[in-house]
């Protein structure tokens, strides 16, 4: 009874989450959309850091809701304390940054909830972060979410899908080949 009252049984369930089995490195990463919405060119992001590809190349998602999932089998290498961004590293070494919204760092984590921590292994479709869309619309510049390959200089080829409707965990948005 105490476990149910204080949620202790839920913590035990979280600890028993099965370990994600990572595939063998094969030199090719296929990323699905981390959000449901519309995939657009980085040039449409209202922030020159992303629009001018200073952080790297990729695509942006104009989200329809506030659930962010893993786009690929990867390890969580960075979860920002404000939970507005997460860094992933694939088995092939591609480093992916998912940056939720523009100027969301100023929200200091308000409206964001993380479901992973640094060191976690994730599979495509695993929930990473949720955020309050209305709050982000009210307090930040934009909800548009860049998905960036930050170490593109190490990649051979990057194919992007832009100007299409995407479903989180399903629609391919990028293919990275070493």
Protein backbone atom coordinates (compact mmCIF):
# COMPACT_ATOMS: atom_id res chain seq x y z
CA UNK A 1 0.00 0.00 0.00
CA UNK A 2 2.80 2.44 0.84
CA UNK A 3 4.36 1.74 -2.52
CA UNK A 4 1.16 2.79 -4.28
CA UNK A 5 0.70 5.88 -2.10
CA UNK A 6 4.23 7.17 -2.59
CA UNK A 7 4.82 5.95 -6.13
CA UNK A 8 7.68 3.70 -5.11
CA UNK A 9 6.45 0.94 -7.39
CA UNK A 10 6.74 3.32 -10.34
CA UNK A 11 10.40 4.02 -9.57
CA UNK A 12 11.10 0.30 -9.50
CA UNK A 13 9.42 -0.08 -12.89
CA UNK A 14 11.63 2.64 -14.35
CA UNK A 15 14.77 0.91 -13.08
CA UNK A 16 13.63 -2.32 -14.71
CA UNK A 17 13.37 -0.72 -18.15
CA UNK A 18 14.95 -3.21 -20.52
CA UNK A 19 18.36 -2.33 -21.91
CA UNK A 20 18.15 -1.21 -25.53
CA UNK A 21 20.16 -3.52 -27.75
CA UNK A 22 22.26 -1.47 -30.12
CA UNK A 23 22.75 -2.64 -33.71
CA UNK A 24 26.20 -3.24 -35.17
CA UNK A 25 27.84 -0.23 -36.80
CA UNK A 26 27.34 -0.45 -40.57
CA UNK A 27 28.31 3.06 -41.69
CA UNK A 28 24.74 4.21 -42.33
CA UNK A 29 22.29 5.94 -39.98
CA UNK A 30 18.66 6.42 -41.02
CA UNK A 31 16.96 9.02 -38.83
CA UNK A 32 13.20 9.17 -38.42
CA UNK A 33 11.46 12.33 -37.33
CA UNK A 34 11.66 13.01 -33.58
CA UNK A 35 8.38 14.96 -33.79
CA UNK A 36 5.09 14.93 -35.64
CA UNK A 37 4.70 17.98 -37.84
CA UNK A 38 6.37 19.29 -41.00
CA UNK A 39 10.02 18.87 -41.97
CA UNK A 40 11.44 22.14 -43.32
CA UNK A 41 14.79 23.50 -44.44
CA UNK A 42 17.13 24.89 -41.79
CA UNK A 43 16.99 28.17 -43.71
CA UNK A 44 13.44 28.59 -42.31
CA UNK A 45 14.66 28.56 -38.69
CA UNK A 46 14.42 32.10 -37.19
CA UNK A 47 17.92 31.90 -35.70
CA UNK A 48 21.10 32.46 -37.76
CA UNK A 49 23.06 29.88 -35.72
CA UNK A 50 20.83 27.16 -37.19
CA UNK A 51 19.70 28.83 -40.45
CA UNK A 52 23.31 29.40 -41.53
CA UNK A 53 24.33 25.87 -40.42
CA UNK A 54 26.89 27.13 -37.89
CA UNK A 55 26.10 24.13 -35.67
CA UNK A 56 25.96 21.74 -38.61
CA UNK A 57 23.60 20.60 -41.35
CA UNK A 58 20.24 18.94 -40.86
CA UNK A 59 16.53 19.66 -41.03
CA UNK A 60 14.03 21.40 -38.79
CA UNK A 61 10.64 20.16 -37.66
CA UNK A 62 7.72 22.53 -37.23
CA UNK A 63 5.98 20.46 -34.52
CA UNK A 64 2.30 19.65 -34.20
CA UNK A 65 2.65 18.48 -30.58
CA UNK A 66 5.13 18.43 -27.71
CA UNK A 67 6.49 14.88 -27.69
CA UNK A 68 10.09 14.29 -28.81
CA UNK A 69 11.30 10.75 -29.51
CA UNK A 70 14.65 9.30 -30.50
CA UNK A 71 15.21 9.43 -34.25
CA UNK A 72 17.75 6.59 -34.25
CA UNK A 73 19.50 3.93 -32.15
CA UNK A 74 21.89 6.03 -30.08
CA UNK A 75 23.36 6.87 -26.70
CA UNK A 76 22.26 10.03 -24.91
CA UNK A 77 25.55 11.94 -24.61
CA UNK A 78 24.14 15.25 -23.44
CA UNK A 79 20.90 16.33 -21.82
CA UNK A 80 20.89 20.05 -21.20
CA UNK A 81 19.90 21.01 -17.62
CA UNK A 82 17.07 23.11 -19.07
CA UNK A 83 15.82 20.01 -20.97
CA UNK A 84 15.35 22.07 -24.16
CA UNK A 85 17.97 20.10 -26.08
CA UNK A 86 19.46 16.63 -26.21
CA UNK A 87 22.60 15.27 -27.85
CA UNK A 88 22.74 11.72 -29.23
CA UNK A 89 25.59 9.63 -30.64
CA UNK A 90 24.78 6.78 -33.02
CA UNK A 91 26.62 3.46 -33.25
CA UNK A 92 28.23 4.80 -36.44
CA UNK A 93 29.54 7.89 -34.62
CA UNK A 94 27.08 10.48 -35.96
CA UNK A 95 26.39 13.18 -33.35
CA UNK A 96 22.84 14.49 -33.44
CA UNK A 97 21.51 17.57 -31.63
CA UNK A 98 17.76 17.99 -31.18
CA UNK A 99 17.12 21.59 -30.10
CA UNK A 100 13.49 22.13 -29.08
CA UNK A 101 12.34 25.58 -30.16
CA UNK A 102 14.27 28.82 -30.52
CA UNK A 103 15.33 30.85 -27.44
CA UNK A 104 13.87 28.10 -25.22
CA UNK A 105 17.01 28.04 -23.06
CA UNK A 106 15.64 31.23 -21.45
CA UNK A 107 12.67 29.22 -20.13
CA UNK A 108 15.07 27.54 -17.65
CA UNK A 109 13.36 24.14 -18.07
CA UNK A 110 9.84 25.40 -17.42
CA UNK A 111 7.37 23.27 -19.37
CA UNK A 112 9.95 20.59 -20.28
CA UNK A 113 10.16 17.03 -18.93
CA UNK A 114 12.97 14.59 -19.74
CA UNK A 115 12.47 10.83 -19.86
CA UNK A 116 16.15 9.96 -20.38
CA UNK A 117 19.48 10.78 -18.79
CA UNK A 118 23.05 10.93 -20.07
CA UNK A 119 24.37 7.44 -20.77
CA UNK A 120 20.97 5.94 -21.65
CA UNK A 121 20.73 3.90 -24.82
CA UNK A 122 17.64 4.64 -26.93
CA UNK A 123 15.92 3.13 -29.95
CA UNK A 124 13.92 4.95 -32.64
CA UNK A 125 10.58 6.03 -31.15
CA UNK A 126 11.72 6.00 -27.50
CA UNK A 127 10.38 9.07 -25.68
CA UNK A 128 13.13 11.59 -24.89
CA UNK A 129 11.41 14.82 -23.82
CA UNK A 130 7.95 16.34 -23.68
CA UNK A 131 7.26 20.07 -23.70
CA UNK A 132 4.27 22.37 -23.31
CA UNK A 133 3.67 23.75 -26.83
CA UNK A 134 1.49 26.62 -25.62
CA UNK A 135 4.05 27.69 -23.04
CA UNK A 136 6.87 27.60 -25.62
CA UNK A 137 4.73 29.64 -28.05
CA UNK A 138 4.12 32.17 -25.26
CA UNK A 139 7.63 32.43 -23.78
CA UNK A 140 10.06 31.58 -26.60
CA UNK A 141 10.65 32.83 -30.13
CA UNK A 142 9.48 29.69 -31.93
CA UNK A 143 8.57 26.00 -31.50
CA UNK A 144 10.52 25.02 -34.63
CA UNK A 145 12.98 22.27 -33.70
CA UNK A 146 16.31 21.86 -35.53
CA UNK A 147 17.68 18.31 -35.84
CA UNK A 148 21.39 18.81 -36.53
CA UNK A 149 24.29 16.55 -37.49
CA UNK A 150 26.96 18.34 -35.44
CA UNK A 151 29.94 16.34 -36.69
CA UNK A 152 29.07 16.40 -40.39
CA UNK A 153 32.71 16.87 -41.31
CA UNK A 154 33.15 13.19 -40.36
CA UNK A 155 30.19 12.03 -42.48
CA UNK A 156 30.45 11.19 -46.15
CA UNK A 157 26.94 11.85 -47.39
CA UNK A 158 23.87 13.47 -45.86
CA UNK A 159 20.49 13.07 -47.54
CA UNK A 160 17.65 15.19 -46.15
CA UNK A 161 13.89 15.05 -46.57
CA UNK A 162 12.34 18.52 -46.47
CA UNK A 163 8.94 20.11 -47.05
CA UNK A 164 7.05 16.95 -46.10
CA UNK A 165 4.63 16.06 -43.33
CA UNK A 166 6.30 13.78 -40.80
CA UNK A 167 5.15 11.40 -38.07
CA UNK A 168 7.33 11.01 -35.00
CA UNK A 169 9.19 7.71 -34.93
CA UNK A 170 8.10 6.81 -38.48
CA UNK A 171 8.98 9.21 -41.30
CA UNK A 172 12.61 9.23 -42.49
CA UNK A 173 14.09 12.75 -42.38
CA UNK A 174 17.85 12.12 -42.81
CA UNK A 175 20.19 9.40 -44.00
CA UNK A 176 23.84 9.74 -42.97
CA UNK A 177 26.47 7.61 -44.69
CA UNK A 178 30.08 7.54 -43.49
